[in-house]
């Protein structure tokens, strides 16, 4: 990411500043607007094309071992948003040792969202930043590439069976697990009285029950991830991993309710925003579930005009 140099604001002419402000407002308006029907149709076709490459079974020897022997590195990705900025965000990738769950690598970058959040199409707002982070890791520290990625969002538990965890898995060719904090109500799944009663019966960390849709397909599992957490996580297959192994590993990576790779990615992305801009970051709202600030594709500088102005003002 380019950093502002001392005096950058003073050197900007009034016309340049006005133009930048106008561009920033235009981008903010773009990410707040629902895409046209043609764009949504293209996104659906792309999901259908990539879905054919999803592998929903164990592909690595360590996945089939009860203790995950051979697993040494687990990764997590997250995006946090700049408070009061509809375009600026921080995308982060962290890698933790396993089973120690100590951070051994992190990559945080300021990015600019260029697409709005639309339920069922989260990947088109965020996944490009995650793919870029994995690419940088492969180039810089290939020995630290994670053997599995945790994604704050859904995998096959999705409107069209291809959520952000599937999307990221296919594009990076890495095993991926989707972990959502709220139930995506698809294929007849509902946060009903019966569902809440099943949650109440999850007595201890590691307890779970299947999420069977109206089609008869098990789309994921509701997991009590920690003894002291009463709210479940919704775990689903992303890519190159079975649901059974995904649930076991998710539980094994939870020091608290949220799997440590995702928790650390969230902590570090918000911390990066605070250090960079001197303001707080907010977790990405809604992954595959509710409203979310649009996710941008990074521009030439990797930041929005609005965000660049804030950076320059600090110099």
C-alpha atoms as a PDB file:
ATOM      1  CA  UNK A   1       0.000   0.000   0.000  1.00  0.00           C
ATOM      2  CA  UNK A   2       1.286   3.459  -0.825  1.00  0.00           C
ATOM      3  CA  UNK A   3       1.782   5.704   2.192  1.00  0.00           C
ATOM      4  CA  UNK A   4       1.229   9.434   2.253  1.00  0.00           C
ATOM      5  CA  UNK A   5       4.391  11.535   2.300  1.00  0.00           C
ATOM      6  CA  UNK A   6       4.853  14.609   4.520  1.00  0.00           C
ATOM      7  CA  UNK A   7       3.266  17.652   2.965  1.00  0.00           C
ATOM      8  CA  UNK A   8       1.204  15.634   0.515  1.00  0.00           C
ATOM      9  CA  UNK A   9      -1.918  17.586   1.380  1.00  0.00           C
ATOM     10  CA  UNK A  10      -0.204  20.922   0.958  1.00  0.00           C
ATOM     11  CA  UNK A  11       0.952  20.000  -2.527  1.00  0.00           C
ATOM     12  CA  UNK A  12      -2.519  19.066  -3.761  1.00  0.00           C
ATOM     13  CA  UNK A  13      -4.172  21.843  -5.715  1.00  0.00           C
ATOM     14  CA  UNK A  14      -7.735  22.832  -5.036  1.00  0.00           C
ATOM     15  CA  UNK A  15      -8.873  21.342  -8.327  1.00  0.00           C
ATOM     16  CA  UNK A  16      -7.089  18.055  -7.575  1.00  0.00           C
ATOM     17  CA  UNK A  17      -8.716  17.883  -4.154  1.00  0.00           C
ATOM     18  CA  UNK A  18     -12.123  18.624  -5.632  1.00  0.00           C
ATOM     19  CA  UNK A  19     -11.630  15.931  -8.275  1.00  0.00           C
ATOM     20  CA  UNK A  20     -10.535  13.381  -5.680  1.00  0.00           C
ATOM     21  CA  UNK A  21     -13.512  14.179  -3.474  1.00  0.00           C
ATOM     22  CA  UNK A  22     -15.832  13.761  -6.428  1.00  0.00           C
ATOM     23  CA  UNK A  23     -14.246  10.417  -7.311  1.00  0.00           C
ATOM     24  CA  UNK A  24     -14.569   9.279  -3.718  1.00  0.00           C
ATOM     25  CA  UNK A  25     -18.250  10.202  -3.641  1.00  0.00           C
ATOM     26  CA  UNK A  26     -18.829   8.426  -6.933  1.00  0.00           C
ATOM     27  CA  UNK A  27     -17.183   5.251  -5.673  1.00  0.00           C
ATOM     28  CA  UNK A  28     -19.150   5.384  -2.410  1.00  0.00           C
ATOM     29  CA  UNK A  29     -22.368   5.733  -4.386  1.00  0.00           C
ATOM     30  CA  UNK A  30     -21.390   2.803  -6.593  1.00  0.00           C
ATOM     31  CA  UNK A  31     -20.784   0.411  -3.702  1.00  0.00           C
ATOM     32  CA  UNK A  32     -24.076   1.458  -2.099  1.00  0.00           C
ATOM     33  CA  UNK A  33     -26.102   0.635  -5.208  1.00  0.00           C
ATOM     34  CA  UNK A  34     -27.443  -2.800  -6.013  1.00  0.00           C
ATOM     35  CA  UNK A  35     -25.842  -4.147  -9.213  1.00  0.00           C
ATOM     36  CA  UNK A  36     -28.024  -4.343 -12.315  1.00  0.00           C
ATOM     37  CA  UNK A  37     -29.758  -7.594 -13.206  1.00  0.00           C
ATOM     38  CA  UNK A  38     -27.188  -8.318 -15.937  1.00  0.00           C
ATOM     39  CA  UNK A  39     -24.354  -8.223 -13.402  1.00  0.00           C
ATOM     40  CA  UNK A  40     -26.178 -10.530 -11.005  1.00  0.00           C
ATOM     41  CA  UNK A  41     -26.826 -12.923 -13.876  1.00  0.00           C
ATOM     42  CA  UNK A  42     -23.116 -12.948 -14.737  1.00  0.00           C
ATOM     43  CA  UNK A  43     -22.230 -13.588 -11.094  1.00  0.00           C
ATOM     44  CA  UNK A  44     -24.660 -16.512 -10.952  1.00  0.00           C
ATOM     45  CA  UNK A  45     -23.136 -18.045 -14.068  1.00  0.00           C
ATOM     46  CA  UNK A  46     -19.651 -17.651 -12.616  1.00  0.00           C
ATOM     47  CA  UNK A  47     -20.736 -19.365  -9.407  1.00  0.00           C
ATOM     48  CA  UNK A  48     -22.250 -22.225 -11.375  1.00  0.00           C
ATOM     49  CA  UNK A  49     -19.067 -22.590 -13.448  1.00  0.00           C
ATOM     50  CA  UNK A  50     -16.746 -22.651 -10.439  1.00  0.00           C
ATOM     51  CA  UNK A  51     -19.059 -24.862  -8.373  1.00  0.00           C
ATOM     52  CA  UNK A  52     -18.206 -27.751 -10.682  1.00  0.00           C
ATOM     53  CA  UNK A  53     -14.670 -27.693  -9.248  1.00  0.00           C
ATOM     54  CA  UNK A  54     -15.663 -27.957  -5.578  1.00  0.00           C
ATOM     55  CA  UNK A  55     -14.379 -31.084  -3.813  1.00  0.00           C
ATOM     56  CA  UNK A  56     -16.411 -31.976  -0.711  1.00  0.00           C
ATOM     57  CA  UNK A  57     -14.279 -34.841   0.579  1.00  0.00           C
ATOM     58  CA  UNK A  58     -10.974 -35.176   2.411  1.00  0.00           C
ATOM     59  CA  UNK A  59      -8.026 -34.889   0.051  1.00  0.00           C
ATOM     60  CA  UNK A  60      -5.088 -34.749   2.487  1.00  0.00           C
ATOM     61  CA  UNK A  61      -3.758 -37.500   4.743  1.00  0.00           C
ATOM     62  CA  UNK A  62      -3.847 -35.273   7.835  1.00  0.00           C
ATOM     63  CA  UNK A  63      -7.588 -34.729   7.428  1.00  0.00           C
ATOM     64  CA  UNK A  64      -8.251 -38.421   7.979  1.00  0.00           C
ATOM     65  CA  UNK A  65      -6.133 -38.689  11.117  1.00  0.00           C
ATOM     66  CA  UNK A  66      -8.130 -38.410  14.383  1.00  0.00           C
ATOM     67  CA  UNK A  67      -5.482 -36.044  15.814  1.00  0.00           C
ATOM     68  CA  UNK A  68      -4.813 -34.290  12.486  1.00  0.00           C
ATOM     69  CA  UNK A  69      -1.243 -35.547  12.551  1.00  0.00           C
ATOM     70  CA  UNK A  70       0.720 -33.763   9.837  1.00  0.00           C
ATOM     71  CA  UNK A  71      -1.269 -30.530  10.077  1.00  0.00           C
ATOM     72  CA  UNK A  72       1.129 -27.724  10.973  1.00  0.00           C
ATOM     73  CA  UNK A  73      -0.378 -24.490   9.610  1.00  0.00           C
ATOM     74  CA  UNK A  74      -3.931 -23.132   9.648  1.00  0.00           C
ATOM     75  CA  UNK A  75      -4.968 -19.833   8.097  1.00  0.00           C
ATOM     76  CA  UNK A  76      -7.756 -17.330   8.517  1.00  0.00           C
ATOM     77  CA  UNK A  77      -9.003 -14.397   6.437  1.00  0.00           C
ATOM     78  CA  UNK A  78     -11.079 -11.375   7.340  1.00  0.00           C
ATOM     79  CA  UNK A  79     -12.098  -7.936   6.138  1.00  0.00           C
ATOM     80  CA  UNK A  80     -12.745  -5.024   8.488  1.00  0.00           C
ATOM     81  CA  UNK A  81     -14.200  -1.710   7.446  1.00  0.00           C
ATOM     82  CA  UNK A  82     -13.142   1.826   8.179  1.00  0.00           C
ATOM     83  CA  UNK A  83     -15.673   3.449  10.481  1.00  0.00           C
ATOM     84  CA  UNK A  84     -17.582   6.124   8.604  1.00  0.00           C
ATOM     85  CA  UNK A  85     -16.106   5.123   5.228  1.00  0.00           C
ATOM     86  CA  UNK A  86     -18.289   3.076   2.885  1.00  0.00           C
ATOM     87  CA  UNK A  87     -15.356   2.235   0.613  1.00  0.00           C
ATOM     88  CA  UNK A  88     -12.214   1.776   2.718  1.00  0.00           C
ATOM     89  CA  UNK A  89     -11.457  -1.595   4.312  1.00  0.00           C
ATOM     90  CA  UNK A  90      -8.592  -3.733   5.550  1.00  0.00           C
ATOM     91  CA  UNK A  91      -8.146  -7.267   4.219  1.00  0.00           C
ATOM     92  CA  UNK A  92      -6.087  -9.615   6.354  1.00  0.00           C
ATOM     93  CA  UNK A  93      -4.612 -13.094   6.129  1.00  0.00           C
ATOM     94  CA  UNK A  94      -3.022 -14.763   9.138  1.00  0.00           C
ATOM     95  CA  UNK A  95      -1.304 -18.125   9.476  1.00  0.00           C
ATOM     96  CA  UNK A  96      -1.115 -19.905  12.817  1.00  0.00           C
ATOM     97  CA  UNK A  97       0.908 -22.890  13.920  1.00  0.00           C
ATOM     98  CA  UNK A  98      -1.092 -26.001  14.736  1.00  0.00           C
ATOM     99  CA  UNK A  99      -1.861 -27.203  17.360  1.00  0.00           C
ATOM    100  CA  UNK A 100      -0.235 -24.305  19.258  1.00  0.00           C
ATOM    101  CA  UNK A 101      -2.387 -21.688  17.472  1.00  0.00           C
ATOM    102  CA  UNK A 102       0.361 -19.065  17.557  1.00  0.00           C
ATOM    103  CA  UNK A 103       0.510 -16.482  14.749  1.00  0.00           C
ATOM    104  CA  UNK A 104       3.498 -17.079  12.469  1.00  0.00           C
ATOM    105  CA  UNK A 105       2.524 -14.802   9.562  1.00  0.00           C
ATOM    106  CA  UNK A 106       0.187 -11.903   8.919  1.00  0.00           C
ATOM    107  CA  UNK A 107      -0.615  -9.725   5.926  1.00  0.00           C
ATOM    108  CA  UNK A 108      -2.881  -6.680   6.293  1.00  0.00           C
ATOM    109  CA  UNK A 109      -3.631  -4.339   3.381  1.00  0.00           C
ATOM    110  CA  UNK A 110      -5.908  -1.357   2.968  1.00  0.00           C
ATOM    111  CA  UNK A 111      -8.232  -1.911   0.021  1.00  0.00           C
ATOM    112  CA  UNK A 112     -11.066  -0.072  -1.696  1.00  0.00           C
ATOM    113  CA  UNK A 113     -14.414  -1.744  -2.256  1.00  0.00           C
ATOM    114  CA  UNK A 114     -15.897  -1.484  -5.709  1.00  0.00           C
ATOM    115  CA  UNK A 115     -18.945  -3.743  -5.397  1.00  0.00           C
ATOM    116  CA  UNK A 116     -21.887  -3.638  -2.991  1.00  0.00           C
ATOM    117  CA  UNK A 117     -22.837  -6.391  -0.601  1.00  0.00           C
ATOM    118  CA  UNK A 118     -25.590  -8.548  -2.067  1.00  0.00           C
ATOM    119  CA  UNK A 119     -26.774 -11.598  -0.139  1.00  0.00           C
ATOM    120  CA  UNK A 120     -25.427 -14.719  -1.814  1.00  0.00           C
ATOM    121  CA  UNK A 121     -22.692 -12.850  -3.701  1.00  0.00           C
ATOM    122  CA  UNK A 122     -20.253 -11.942  -0.924  1.00  0.00           C
ATOM    123  CA  UNK A 123     -17.288 -13.363  -2.819  1.00  0.00           C
ATOM    124  CA  UNK A 124     -17.653 -10.824  -5.617  1.00  0.00           C
ATOM    125  CA  UNK A 125     -17.030  -8.093  -3.098  1.00  0.00           C
ATOM    126  CA  UNK A 126     -14.263  -9.687  -1.027  1.00  0.00           C
ATOM    127  CA  UNK A 127     -12.641 -12.775  -2.428  1.00  0.00           C
ATOM    128  CA  UNK A 128     -10.223 -11.002  -4.790  1.00  0.00           C
ATOM    129  CA  UNK A 129      -8.438  -9.467  -1.797  1.00  0.00           C
ATOM    130  CA  UNK A 130      -8.143 -12.852  -0.116  1.00  0.00           C
ATOM    131  CA  UNK A 131      -6.770 -14.451  -3.267  1.00  0.00           C
ATOM    132  CA  UNK A 132      -4.224 -11.641  -3.583  1.00  0.00           C
ATOM    133  CA  UNK A 133      -3.091 -12.194   0.011  1.00  0.00           C
ATOM    134  CA  UNK A 134      -2.564 -15.913  -0.601  1.00  0.00           C
ATOM    135  CA  UNK A 135      -0.632 -15.103  -3.778  1.00  0.00           C
ATOM    136  CA  UNK A 136       1.675 -12.741  -1.905  1.00  0.00           C
ATOM    137  CA  UNK A 137       2.287 -15.372   0.750  1.00  0.00           C
ATOM    138  CA  UNK A 138       3.148 -17.989  -1.865  1.00  0.00           C
ATOM    139  CA  UNK A 139       5.631 -15.580  -3.427  1.00  0.00           C
ATOM    140  CA  UNK A 140       7.238 -14.319  -0.203  1.00  0.00           C
ATOM    141  CA  UNK A 141       7.054 -17.204   2.277  1.00  0.00           C
ATOM    142  CA  UNK A 142       5.955 -20.367   0.458  1.00  0.00           C
ATOM    143  CA  UNK A 143       6.896 -22.546   3.439  1.00  0.00           C
ATOM    144  CA  UNK A 144       4.215 -20.746   5.485  1.00  0.00           C
ATOM    145  CA  UNK A 145       1.271 -21.326   3.126  1.00  0.00           C
ATOM    146  CA  UNK A 146      -1.573 -22.700   5.285  1.00  0.00           C
ATOM    147  CA  UNK A 147      -2.757 -26.250   4.780  1.00  0.00           C
ATOM    148  CA  UNK A 148      -6.330 -25.119   5.383  1.00  0.00           C
ATOM    149  CA  UNK A 149      -8.108 -21.752   5.436  1.00  0.00           C
ATOM    150  CA  UNK A 150     -10.940 -20.711   7.743  1.00  0.00           C
ATOM    151  CA  UNK A 151     -13.345 -18.220   6.196  1.00  0.00           C
ATOM    152  CA  UNK A 152     -15.812 -16.007   8.057  1.00  0.00           C
ATOM    153  CA  UNK A 153     -18.741 -16.992   5.863  1.00  0.00           C
ATOM    154  CA  UNK A 154     -20.434 -19.993   4.313  1.00  0.00           C
ATOM    155  CA  UNK A 155     -19.343 -22.739   1.973  1.00  0.00           C
ATOM    156  CA  UNK A 156     -21.917 -25.094   0.459  1.00  0.00           C
ATOM    157  CA  UNK A 157     -24.458 -23.753   2.972  1.00  0.00           C
ATOM    158  CA  UNK A 158     -25.516 -21.149   0.446  1.00  0.00           C
ATOM    159  CA  UNK A 159     -28.356 -20.133  -1.881  1.00  0.00           C
ATOM    160  CA  UNK A 160     -26.688 -21.845  -4.823  1.00  0.00           C
ATOM    161  CA  UNK A 161     -24.349 -24.160  -2.916  1.00  0.00           C
ATOM    162  CA  UNK A 162     -21.307 -21.976  -3.573  1.00  0.00           C
ATOM    163  CA  UNK A 163     -20.500 -19.480  -0.831  1.00  0.00           C
ATOM    164  CA  UNK A 164     -17.358 -17.435  -0.261  1.00  0.00           C
ATOM    165  CA  UNK A 165     -15.484 -20.363   1.356  1.00  0.00           C
ATOM    166  CA  UNK A 166     -16.058 -22.466  -1.771  1.00  0.00           C
ATOM    167  CA  UNK A 167     -15.091 -19.570  -4.016  1.00  0.00           C
ATOM    168  CA  UNK A 168     -11.833 -18.947  -2.175  1.00  0.00           C
ATOM    169  CA  UNK A 169     -11.003 -22.637  -2.021  1.00  0.00           C
ATOM    170  CA  UNK A 170     -11.447 -23.182  -5.739  1.00  0.00           C
ATOM    171  CA  UNK A 171      -9.462 -20.071  -6.706  1.00  0.00           C
ATOM    172  CA  UNK A 172      -6.557 -20.849  -4.359  1.00  0.00           C
ATOM    173  CA  UNK A 173      -6.768 -24.661  -4.567  1.00  0.00           C
ATOM    174  CA  UNK A 174      -6.543 -24.803  -0.762  1.00  0.00           C
ATOM    175  CA  UNK A 175      -8.801 -26.710   1.632  1.00  0.00           C
ATOM    176  CA  UNK A 176     -11.320 -24.214   3.036  1.00  0.00           C
ATOM    177  CA  UNK A 177     -13.867 -24.264   5.834  1.00  0.00           C
ATOM    178  CA  UNK A 178     -16.825 -21.905   6.022  1.00  0.00           C
ATOM    179  CA  UNK A 179     -17.665 -20.732   9.556  1.00  0.00           C
ATOM    180  CA  UNK A 180     -20.645 -18.405   9.977  1.00  0.00           C
ATOM    181  CA  UNK A 181     -22.013 -16.872  13.158  1.00  0.00           C
ATOM    182  CA  UNK A 182     -25.604 -16.737  11.949  1.00  0.00           C
ATOM    183  CA  UNK A 183     -27.749 -19.291  10.164  1.00  0.00           C
ATOM    184  CA  UNK A 184     -28.233 -18.609   6.480  1.00  0.00           C
ATOM    185  CA  UNK A 185     -31.846 -19.604   5.935  1.00  0.00           C
ATOM    186  CA  UNK A 186     -31.769 -21.495   2.663  1.00  0.00           C
ATOM    187  CA  UNK A 187     -33.330 -24.733   1.413  1.00  0.00           C
ATOM    188  CA  UNK A 188     -35.972 -24.606   4.124  1.00  0.00           C
ATOM    189  CA  UNK A 189     -33.554 -24.044   7.002  1.00  0.00           C
ATOM    190  CA  UNK A 190     -35.097 -21.699   9.555  1.00  0.00           C
ATOM    191  CA  UNK A 191     -34.142 -20.196  12.874  1.00  0.00           C
ATOM    192  CA  UNK A 192     -37.341 -21.711  14.229  1.00  0.00           C
ATOM    193  CA  UNK A 193     -38.426 -22.809  17.675  1.00  0.00           C
ATOM    194  CA  UNK A 194     -37.288 -26.352  16.825  1.00  0.00           C
ATOM    195  CA  UNK A 195     -33.885 -25.082  15.716  1.00  0.00           C
ATOM    196  CA  UNK A 196     -33.486 -23.096  18.935  1.00  0.00           C
ATOM    197  CA  UNK A 197     -34.410 -26.163  20.973  1.00  0.00           C
ATOM    198  CA  UNK A 198     -31.687 -28.165  19.211  1.00  0.00           C
ATOM    199  CA  UNK A 199     -29.227 -25.423  20.082  1.00  0.00           C
ATOM    200  CA  UNK A 200     -30.292 -25.586  23.718  1.00  0.00           C
ATOM    201  CA  UNK A 201     -29.473 -29.299  23.744  1.00  0.00           C
ATOM    202  CA  UNK A 202     -25.848 -28.653  22.756  1.00  0.00           C
ATOM    203  CA  UNK A 203     -24.404 -29.163  26.227  1.00  0.00           C
ATOM    204  CA  UNK A 204     -20.631 -28.950  25.752  1.00  0.00           C
ATOM    205  CA  UNK A 205     -17.989 -27.749  23.354  1.00  0.00           C
ATOM    206  CA  UNK A 206     -17.827 -30.089  20.379  1.00  0.00           C
ATOM    207  CA  UNK A 207     -21.533 -30.987  20.440  1.00  0.00           C
ATOM    208  CA  UNK A 208     -23.235 -30.478  17.090  1.00  0.00           C
ATOM    209  CA  UNK A 209     -26.251 -31.309  14.973  1.00  0.00           C
ATOM    210  CA  UNK A 210     -26.707 -31.520  11.191  1.00  0.00           C
ATOM    211  CA  UNK A 211     -28.328 -28.783   9.143  1.00  0.00           C
ATOM    212  CA  UNK A 212     -30.552 -30.736   6.778  1.00  0.00           C
ATOM    213  CA  UNK A 213     -32.357 -28.701   4.167  1.00  0.00           C
ATOM    214  CA  UNK A 214     -35.751 -29.377   2.685  1.00  0.00           C
ATOM    215  CA  UNK A 215     -34.052 -31.172  -0.193  1.00  0.00           C
ATOM    216  CA  UNK A 216     -32.746 -33.791   2.239  1.00  0.00           C
ATOM    217  CA  UNK A 217     -29.160 -32.614   1.836  1.00  0.00           C
ATOM    218  CA  UNK A 218     -26.993 -31.955   4.880  1.00  0.00           C
ATOM    219  CA  UNK A 219     -25.622 -28.490   4.166  1.00  0.00           C
ATOM    220  CA  UNK A 220     -23.543 -28.062   7.303  1.00  0.00           C
ATOM    221  CA  UNK A 221     -23.436 -28.505  11.066  1.00  0.00           C
ATOM    222  CA  UNK A 222     -24.413 -26.307  13.984  1.00  0.00           C
ATOM    223  CA  UNK A 223     -21.475 -26.547  16.399  1.00  0.00           C
ATOM    224  CA  UNK A 224     -21.091 -25.487  20.001  1.00  0.00           C
ATOM    225  CA  UNK A 225     -17.487 -24.467  19.626  1.00  0.00           C
ATOM    226  CA  UNK A 226     -16.602 -23.831  23.258  1.00  0.00           C
ATOM    227  CA  UNK A 227     -17.889 -24.911  26.670  1.00  0.00           C
ATOM    228  CA  UNK A 228     -18.533 -21.294  27.643  1.00  0.00           C
ATOM    229  CA  UNK A 229     -20.301 -20.284  24.423  1.00  0.00           C
ATOM    230  CA  UNK A 230     -24.039 -20.816  24.104  1.00  0.00           C
ATOM    231  CA  UNK A 231     -24.316 -19.496  20.555  1.00  0.00           C
ATOM    232  CA  UNK A 232     -23.408 -22.058  17.879  1.00  0.00           C
ATOM    233  CA  UNK A 233     -21.270 -21.657  14.799  1.00  0.00           C
ATOM    234  CA  UNK A 234     -22.523 -22.841  11.426  1.00  0.00           C
ATOM    235  CA  UNK A 235     -19.803 -24.899   9.776  1.00  0.00           C
ATOM    236  CA  UNK A 236     -19.909 -25.936   6.131  1.00  0.00           C
ATOM    237  CA  UNK A 237     -17.562 -27.407   3.570  1.00  0.00           C
ATOM    238  CA  UNK A 238     -15.683 -24.901   1.472  1.00  0.00           C
ATOM    239  CA  UNK A 239     -13.327 -27.034  -0.594  1.00  0.00           C
ATOM    240  CA  UNK A 240     -11.181 -30.181  -0.384  1.00  0.00           C
ATOM    241  CA  UNK A 241     -12.424 -31.287   3.029  1.00  0.00           C
ATOM    242  CA  UNK A 242     -15.240 -33.400   4.440  1.00  0.00           C
ATOM    243  CA  UNK A 243     -17.859 -31.910   6.730  1.00  0.00           C
ATOM    244  CA  UNK A 244     -16.878 -34.266   9.543  1.00  0.00           C
ATOM    245  CA  UNK A 245     -13.230 -33.197   9.428  1.00  0.00           C
ATOM    246  CA  UNK A 246     -14.209 -29.530   9.070  1.00  0.00           C
ATOM    247  CA  UNK A 247     -16.326 -29.664  12.232  1.00  0.00           C
ATOM    248  CA  UNK A 248     -13.631 -31.471  14.248  1.00  0.00           C
ATOM    249  CA  UNK A 249     -10.928 -29.044  13.166  1.00  0.00           C
ATOM    250  CA  UNK A 250     -13.108 -26.002  13.824  1.00  0.00           C
ATOM    251  CA  UNK A 251     -13.705 -27.186  17.367  1.00  0.00           C
ATOM    252  CA  UNK A 252      -9.996 -27.883  17.784  1.00  0.00           C
ATOM    253  CA  UNK A 253      -9.111 -24.328  16.753  1.00  0.00           C
ATOM    254  CA  UNK A 254     -11.481 -22.577  19.168  1.00  0.00           C
ATOM    255  CA  UNK A 255      -9.969 -21.027  22.277  1.00  0.00           C
ATOM    256  CA  UNK A 256     -13.103 -18.926  22.390  1.00  0.00           C
ATOM    257  CA  UNK A 257     -16.307 -19.062  20.328  1.00  0.00           C
ATOM    258  CA  UNK A 258     -14.664 -18.023  17.043  1.00  0.00           C
ATOM    259  CA  UNK A 259     -11.913 -20.190  15.497  1.00  0.00           C
ATOM    260  CA  UNK A 260      -8.563 -18.652  16.371  1.00  0.00           C
ATOM    261  CA  UNK A 261      -7.439 -18.103  12.748  1.00  0.00           C
ATOM    262  CA  UNK A 262     -10.525 -15.991  11.975  1.00  0.00           C
ATOM    263  CA  UNK A 263     -10.412 -14.286  15.384  1.00  0.00           C
ATOM    264  CA  UNK A 264      -6.780 -13.271  14.896  1.00  0.00           C
ATOM    265  CA  UNK A 265      -7.427 -12.068  11.334  1.00  0.00           C
ATOM    266  CA  UNK A 266     -10.237  -9.870  12.662  1.00  0.00           C
ATOM    267  CA  UNK A 267      -8.175  -8.503  15.567  1.00  0.00           C
ATOM    268  CA  UNK A 268      -5.215  -7.698  13.346  1.00  0.00           C
ATOM    269  CA  UNK A 269      -7.217  -6.105  10.541  1.00  0.00           C
ATOM    270  CA  UNK A 270      -8.943  -3.743  12.966  1.00  0.00           C
ATOM    271  CA  UNK A 271      -5.641  -3.045  14.684  1.00  0.00           C
ATOM    272  CA  UNK A 272      -4.073  -2.193  11.328  1.00  0.00           C
ATOM    273  CA  UNK A 273      -6.830   0.302  10.597  1.00  0.00           C
ATOM    274  CA  UNK A 274      -6.304   1.912  13.988  1.00  0.00           C
ATOM    275  CA  UNK A 275      -2.539   2.171  13.523  1.00  0.00           C
ATOM    276  CA  UNK A 276      -2.829   3.420   9.949  1.00  0.00           C
ATOM    277  CA  UNK A 277      -5.674   5.893  10.285  1.00  0.00           C
ATOM    278  CA  UNK A 278      -5.913   6.475  14.010  1.00  0.00           C
ATOM    279  CA  UNK A 279      -9.556   5.407  13.983  1.00  0.00           C
ATOM    280  CA  UNK A 280     -11.434   2.258  14.822  1.00  0.00           C
ATOM    281  CA  UNK A 281     -12.249  -0.508  12.391  1.00  0.00           C
ATOM    282  CA  UNK A 282     -15.504  -2.413  12.368  1.00  0.00           C
ATOM    283  CA  UNK A 283     -15.866  -6.115  11.590  1.00  0.00           C
ATOM    284  CA  UNK A 284     -17.401  -6.863   8.253  1.00  0.00           C
ATOM    285  CA  UNK A 285     -21.127  -7.101   8.825  1.00  0.00           C
ATOM    286  CA  UNK A 286     -23.192  -9.986   7.605  1.00  0.00           C
ATOM    287  CA  UNK A 287     -21.004 -12.401   5.610  1.00  0.00           C
ATOM    288  CA  UNK A 288     -23.569 -14.388   3.623  1.00  0.00           C
ATOM    289  CA  UNK A 289     -26.099 -13.327   6.147  1.00  0.00           C
ATOM    290  CA  UNK A 290     -26.947  -9.652   6.537  1.00  0.00           C
ATOM    291  CA  UNK A 291     -25.919  -6.261   5.275  1.00  0.00           C
ATOM    292  CA  UNK A 292     -22.282  -5.692   4.525  1.00  0.00           C
ATOM    293  CA  UNK A 293     -20.232  -2.799   3.286  1.00  0.00           C
ATOM    294  CA  UNK A 294     -19.321  -3.305  -0.339  1.00  0.00           C
ATOM    295  CA  UNK A 295     -16.093  -4.959  -0.966  1.00  0.00           C
ATOM    296  CA  UNK A 296     -13.725  -3.278  -3.338  1.00  0.00           C
ATOM    297  CA  UNK A 297     -11.167  -4.428  -5.753  1.00  0.00           C
ATOM    298  CA  UNK A 298      -7.984  -2.589  -4.867  1.00  0.00           C
ATOM    299  CA  UNK A 299      -7.215   0.325  -7.142  1.00  0.00           C
ATOM    300  CA  UNK A 300      -3.767   1.427  -8.287  1.00  0.00           C
ATOM    301  CA  UNK A 301      -2.887   2.646  -4.816  1.00  0.00           C
ATOM    302  CA  UNK A 302      -4.863  -0.066  -3.081  1.00  0.00           C
ATOM    303  CA  UNK A 303      -7.038   2.509  -1.301  1.00  0.00           C
ATOM    304  CA  UNK A 304     -10.057   4.632  -2.065  1.00  0.00           C
ATOM    305  CA  UNK A 305      -9.785   8.354  -2.687  1.00  0.00           C
ATOM    306  CA  UNK A 306     -11.682   8.905   0.559  1.00  0.00           C
ATOM    307  CA  UNK A 307      -9.214   6.716   2.420  1.00  0.00           C
ATOM    308  CA  UNK A 308      -6.209   8.265   0.679  1.00  0.00           C
ATOM    309  CA  UNK A 309      -7.424  11.677   1.796  1.00  0.00           C
ATOM    310  CA  UNK A 310      -7.503  10.510   5.400  1.00  0.00           C
ATOM    311  CA  UNK A 311      -3.998   9.106   5.092  1.00  0.00           C
ATOM    312  CA  UNK A 312      -2.711  12.327   3.541  1.00  0.00           C
ATOM    313  CA  UNK A 313      -4.355  14.436   6.216  1.00  0.00           C
ATOM    314  CA  UNK A 314      -2.373  12.561   8.863  1.00  0.00           C
ATOM    315  CA  UNK A 315       0.977  13.342   7.275  1.00  0.00           C
END
